[in-house]
C-alpha atoms as a PDB file:
ATOM      1  CA  MET A   1     144.249 190.803 105.317  1.00  0.00           C
ATOM      2  CA  GLN A   2     140.731 190.066 103.969  1.00  0.00           C
ATOM      3  CA  PRO A   3     138.286 192.823 102.698  1.00  0.00           C
ATOM      4  CA  ALA A   4     135.679 193.566 105.356  1.00  0.00           C
ATOM      5  CA  GLY A   5     132.781 192.370 102.979  1.00  0.00           C
ATOM      6  CA  CYS A   6     134.196 188.788 102.853  1.00  0.00           C
ATOM      7  CA  ARG A   7     134.472 188.513 106.579  1.00  0.00           C
ATOM      8  CA  LYS A   8     130.890 189.841 107.080  1.00  0.00           C
ATOM      9  CA  HIS A   9     129.687 187.139 104.373  1.00  0.00           C
ATOM     10  CA  ARG A  10     131.501 184.520 106.154  1.00  0.00           C
ATOM     11  CA  ASP A  11     130.390 185.297 109.614  1.00  0.00           C
ATOM     12  CA  SER A  12     126.814 185.585 108.420  1.00  0.00           C
ATOM     13  CA  GLU A  13     127.033 181.950 106.846  1.00  0.00           C
ATOM     14  CA  THR A  14     128.491 180.832 110.154  1.00  0.00           C
ATOM     15  CA  MET A  15     125.575 182.382 112.103  1.00  0.00           C
ATOM     16  CA  SER A  16     123.029 181.189 109.576  1.00  0.00           C
ATOM     17  CA  ALA A  17     124.366 177.583 109.858  1.00  0.00           C
ATOM     18  CA  SER A  18     124.338 177.706 113.567  1.00  0.00           C
ATOM     19  CA  TYR A  19     120.848 179.143 113.661  1.00  0.00           C
ATOM     20  CA  ASP A  20     119.641 176.251 111.062  1.00  0.00           C
ATOM     21  CA  GLN A  21     121.351 173.664 113.210  1.00  0.00           C
ATOM     22  CA  HIS A  22     119.817 174.960 116.467  1.00  0.00           C
ATOM     23  CA  SER A  23     116.427 175.085 114.627  1.00  0.00           C
ATOM     24  CA  VAL A  24     116.626 171.362 113.345  1.00  0.00           C
ATOM     25  CA  THR A  25     117.673 170.230 116.779  1.00  0.00           C
ATOM     26  CA  GLU A  26     114.748 171.953 118.308  1.00  0.00           C
ATOM     27  CA  LEU A  27     112.387 170.565 115.629  1.00  0.00           C
ATOM     28  CA  VAL A  28     113.608 166.978 116.213  1.00  0.00           C
ATOM     29  CA  SER A  29     113.419 167.576 120.017  1.00  0.00           C
ATOM     30  CA  ASP A  30     109.773 169.021 119.611  1.00  0.00           C
ATOM     31  CA  SER A  31     109.073 166.228 117.306  1.00  0.00           C
ATOM     32  CA  VAL A  32     110.298 163.320 119.689  1.00  0.00           C
ATOM     33  CA  ASN A  33     108.304 165.071 122.680  1.00  0.00           C
ATOM     34  CA  GLN A  34     104.998 165.229 120.665  1.00  0.00           C
ATOM     35  CA  PHE A  35     105.399 161.736 119.473  1.00  0.00           C
ATOM     36  CA  THR A  36     106.040 160.663 123.021  1.00  0.00           C
ATOM     37  CA  LYS A  37     102.965 162.513 124.178  1.00  0.00           C
ATOM     38  CA  LEU A  38     100.827 161.055 121.462  1.00  0.00           C
ATOM     39  CA  ILE A  39     101.849 157.498 122.512  1.00  0.00           C
ATOM     40  CA  ARG A  40     101.061 158.274 126.113  1.00  0.00           C
ATOM     41  CA  ASN A  41      97.593 159.562 125.103  1.00  0.00           C
ATOM     42  CA  GLU A  42      97.118 156.404 122.832  1.00  0.00           C
ATOM     43  CA  MET A  43      97.994 154.273 125.807  1.00  0.00           C
ATOM     44  CA  ALA A  44      95.555 156.140 128.163  1.00  0.00           C
ATOM     45  CA  ILE A  45      92.917 155.853 125.549  1.00  0.00           C
ATOM     46  CA  ALA A  46      93.819 151.965 125.088  1.00  0.00           C
ATOM     47  CA  ARG A  47      93.330 151.437 128.766  1.00  0.00           C
ATOM     48  CA  ALA A  48      90.092 153.280 129.135  1.00  0.00           C
ATOM     49  CA  GLU A  49      88.733 151.224 126.171  1.00  0.00           C
ATOM     50  CA  LEU A  50      90.021 147.960 127.541  1.00  0.00           C
ATOM     51  CA  THR A  51      88.570 148.592 131.049  1.00  0.00           C
ATOM     52  CA  ALA A  52      85.141 149.552 129.195  1.00  0.00           C
ATOM     53  CA  LYS A  53      85.506 146.237 127.263  1.00  0.00           C
ATOM     54  CA  ALA A  54      86.174 144.237 130.361  1.00  0.00           C
ATOM     55  CA  THR A  55      83.248 145.674 132.057  1.00  0.00           C
ATOM     56  CA  GLU A  56      81.194 144.829 128.867  1.00  0.00           C
ATOM     57  CA  ALA A  57      82.509 141.221 129.125  1.00  0.00           C
ATOM     58  CA  ALA A  58      81.883 140.882 132.913  1.00  0.00           C
ATOM     59  CA  LEU A  59      78.189 142.115 132.155  1.00  0.00           C
ATOM     60  CA  GLY A  60      77.864 139.906 129.141  1.00  0.00           C
ATOM     61  CA  ALA A  61      79.158 136.758 131.451  1.00  0.00           C
ATOM     62  CA  GLY A  62      76.714 138.016 134.235  1.00  0.00           C
ATOM     63  CA  PHE A  63      73.741 137.989 131.879  1.00  0.00           C
ATOM     64  CA  LEU A  64      74.848 134.524 130.403  1.00  0.00           C
ATOM     65  CA  ILE A  65      75.158 132.910 133.884  1.00  0.00           C
ATOM     66  CA  GLY A  66      71.840 134.610 135.027  1.00  0.00           C
ATOM     67  CA  GLY A  67      70.006 133.550 131.785  1.00  0.00           C
ATOM     68  CA  ALA A  68      71.478 129.834 132.162  1.00  0.00           C
ATOM     69  CA  LEU A  69      70.123 129.691 135.795  1.00  0.00           C
ATOM     70  CA  LEU A  70      66.691 131.024 134.571  1.00  0.00           C
ATOM     71  CA  LEU A  71      66.690 128.941 131.452  1.00  0.00           C
ATOM     72  CA  ILE A  72      67.286 125.403 133.024  1.00  0.00           C
ATOM     73  CA  PRO A  73      64.028 124.976 135.028  1.00  0.00           C
ATOM     74  CA  ALA A  74      61.863 126.585 132.378  1.00  0.00           C
ATOM     75  CA  THR A  75      63.520 124.290 129.784  1.00  0.00           C
ATOM     76  CA  VAL A  76      62.927 121.243 131.653  1.00  0.00           C
ATOM     77  CA  LEU A  77      59.315 122.103 132.417  1.00  0.00           C
ATOM     78  CA  LEU A  78      58.992 122.653 128.524  1.00  0.00           C
ATOM     79  CA  LEU A  79      60.798 119.541 127.731  1.00  0.00           C
ATOM     80  CA  MET A  80      58.625 117.587 130.066  1.00  0.00           C
ATOM     81  CA  ALA A  81      55.619 119.030 128.643  1.00  0.00           C
ATOM     82  CA  LEU A  82      56.667 118.250 124.994  1.00  0.00           C
ATOM     83  CA  ALA A  83      57.410 114.599 125.939  1.00  0.00           C
ATOM     84  CA  ALA A  84      54.033 114.308 127.705  1.00  0.00           C
ATOM     85  CA  GLY A  85      52.492 115.876 124.532  1.00  0.00           C
ATOM     86  CA  LEU A  86      54.135 113.401 122.143  1.00  0.00           C
ATOM     87  CA  VAL A  87      53.168 110.623 124.228  1.00  0.00           C
ATOM     88  CA  GLU A  88      49.421 111.689 123.912  1.00  0.00           C
ATOM     89  CA  LEU A  89      49.951 111.882 120.150  1.00  0.00           C
ATOM     90  CA  GLY A  90      50.675 108.032 120.251  1.00  0.00           C
ATOM     91  CA  LEU A  91      54.495 107.799 120.545  1.00  0.00           C
ATOM     92  CA  SER A  92      56.128 105.622 123.150  1.00  0.00           C
ATOM     93  CA  ALA A  93      57.467 107.373 126.117  1.00  0.00           C
ATOM     94  CA  PRO A  94      61.176 106.704 125.403  1.00  0.00           C
ATOM     95  CA  VAL A  95      61.026 107.911 121.898  1.00  0.00           C
ATOM     96  CA  ALA A  96      58.948 111.192 123.233  1.00  0.00           C
ATOM     97  CA  ASP A  97      61.744 111.713 125.744  1.00  0.00           C
ATOM     98  CA  LEU A  98      64.575 111.312 123.099  1.00  0.00           C
ATOM     99  CA  ILE A  99      62.879 113.654 120.841  1.00  0.00           C
ATOM    100  CA  ALA A 100      62.435 116.086 123.964  1.00  0.00           C
ATOM    101  CA  GLY A 101      66.024 115.759 124.838  1.00  0.00           C
ATOM    102  CA  VAL A 102      67.353 116.505 121.368  1.00  0.00           C
ATOM    103  CA  VAL A 103      65.243 119.688 121.214  1.00  0.00           C
ATOM    104  CA  GLY A 104      66.930 120.444 124.833  1.00  0.00           C
ATOM    105  CA  LEU A 105      70.091 119.982 123.350  1.00  0.00           C
ATOM    106  CA  LEU A 106      69.509 122.368 120.307  1.00  0.00           C
ATOM    107  CA  ILE A 107      68.377 125.283 122.709  1.00  0.00           C
ATOM    108  CA  SER A 108      71.353 124.794 124.847  1.00  0.00           C
ATOM    109  CA  ALA A 109      73.603 124.863 121.894  1.00  0.00           C
ATOM    110  CA  ALA A 110      72.015 128.068 120.473  1.00  0.00           C
ATOM    111  CA  VAL A 111      72.296 129.912 124.014  1.00  0.00           C
ATOM    112  CA  ALA A 112      75.915 128.510 124.310  1.00  0.00           C
ATOM    113  CA  TYR A 113      76.796 130.043 120.902  1.00  0.00           C
ATOM    114  CA  ILE A 114      75.341 133.485 121.729  1.00  0.00           C
ATOM    115  CA  GLY A 115      77.263 133.706 124.796  1.00  0.00           C
ATOM    116  CA  LYS A 116      80.481 132.435 123.089  1.00  0.00           C
ATOM    117  CA  THR A 117      80.156 135.136 120.397  1.00  0.00           C
ATOM    118  CA  LYS A 118      79.623 137.926 123.005  1.00  0.00           C
ATOM    119  CA  LEU A 119      82.821 136.806 124.750  1.00  0.00           C
ATOM    120  CA  SER A 120      85.102 136.304 121.713  1.00  0.00           C
ATOM    121  CA  LEU A 121      88.252 138.134 121.438  1.00  0.00           C
ATOM    122  CA  ASP A 122      87.314 139.814 118.256  1.00  0.00           C
ATOM    123  CA  HIS A 123      84.393 141.159 119.956  1.00  0.00           C
ATOM    124  CA  LEU A 124      86.341 142.488 122.974  1.00  0.00           C
ATOM    125  CA  LYS A 125      89.279 144.008 120.733  1.00  0.00           C
ATOM    126  CA  PRO A 126      89.758 147.736 121.212  1.00  0.00           C
ATOM    127  CA  LYS A 127      88.961 148.566 117.563  1.00  0.00           C
ATOM    128  CA  ARG A 128      88.819 152.118 117.763  1.00  0.00           C
ATOM    129  CA  THR A 129      92.351 152.553 119.704  1.00  0.00           C
ATOM    130  CA  MET A 130      93.999 150.037 117.135  1.00  0.00           C
ATOM    131  CA  SER A 131      92.807 152.126 114.202  1.00  0.00           C
ATOM    132  CA  GLU A 132      93.928 155.296 115.814  1.00  0.00           C
ATOM    133  CA  ILE A 133      97.366 153.747 116.677  1.00  0.00           C
ATOM    134  CA  GLU A 134      97.862 152.535 112.718  1.00  0.00           C
ATOM    135  CA  ARG A 135      96.673 156.135 111.640  1.00  0.00           C
ATOM    136  CA  ASP A 136      99.262 157.708 113.991  1.00  0.00           C
ATOM    137  CA  ILE A 137     102.015 155.048 112.742  1.00  0.00           C
ATOM    138  CA  ALA A 138     101.266 156.106 109.000  1.00  0.00           C
ATOM    139  CA  ALA A 139     101.394 159.877 109.776  1.00  0.00           C
ATOM    140  CA  VAL A 140     104.709 159.435 111.550  1.00  0.00           C
ATOM    141  CA  LYS A 141     106.174 157.366 108.585  1.00  0.00           C
ATOM    142  CA  ASP A 142     104.835 160.004 106.237  1.00  0.00           C
ATOM    143  CA  THR A 143     106.278 162.836 108.259  1.00  0.00           C
ATOM    144  CA  SER A 144     109.604 161.073 108.326  1.00  0.00           C
ATOM    145  CA  ARG A 145     109.857 160.688 104.596  1.00  0.00           C
END
């Protein structure tokens, strides 16, 4: 038969280990639940940001198309005036038309470049959400160490 003090000590160790095990299990469960909730929230934020970026891209494309439609007749008139002015200065008509055509080509290239940069993947990337996800991943890695 064991002394009563030894049995009490062993029982308290068993209860403490059981309590610690239960606490660790709860902590892990809470941690997984919080991480899942965090991922869901980040996905919702990403969806909202991507929707805003898609709207911005559609708006940019609309302005690009509208600007191109308005730019075409104005550019043609200006290039015709440039060619006529060059003819008045003494250049032959074909040379004046060639110079006006090159100027028109440069203007078109500049407008296309601006439109392309507005629609580039880098410009449309959800930067804020990506940086928050990277920060969350770093925090989870630090917590798991």
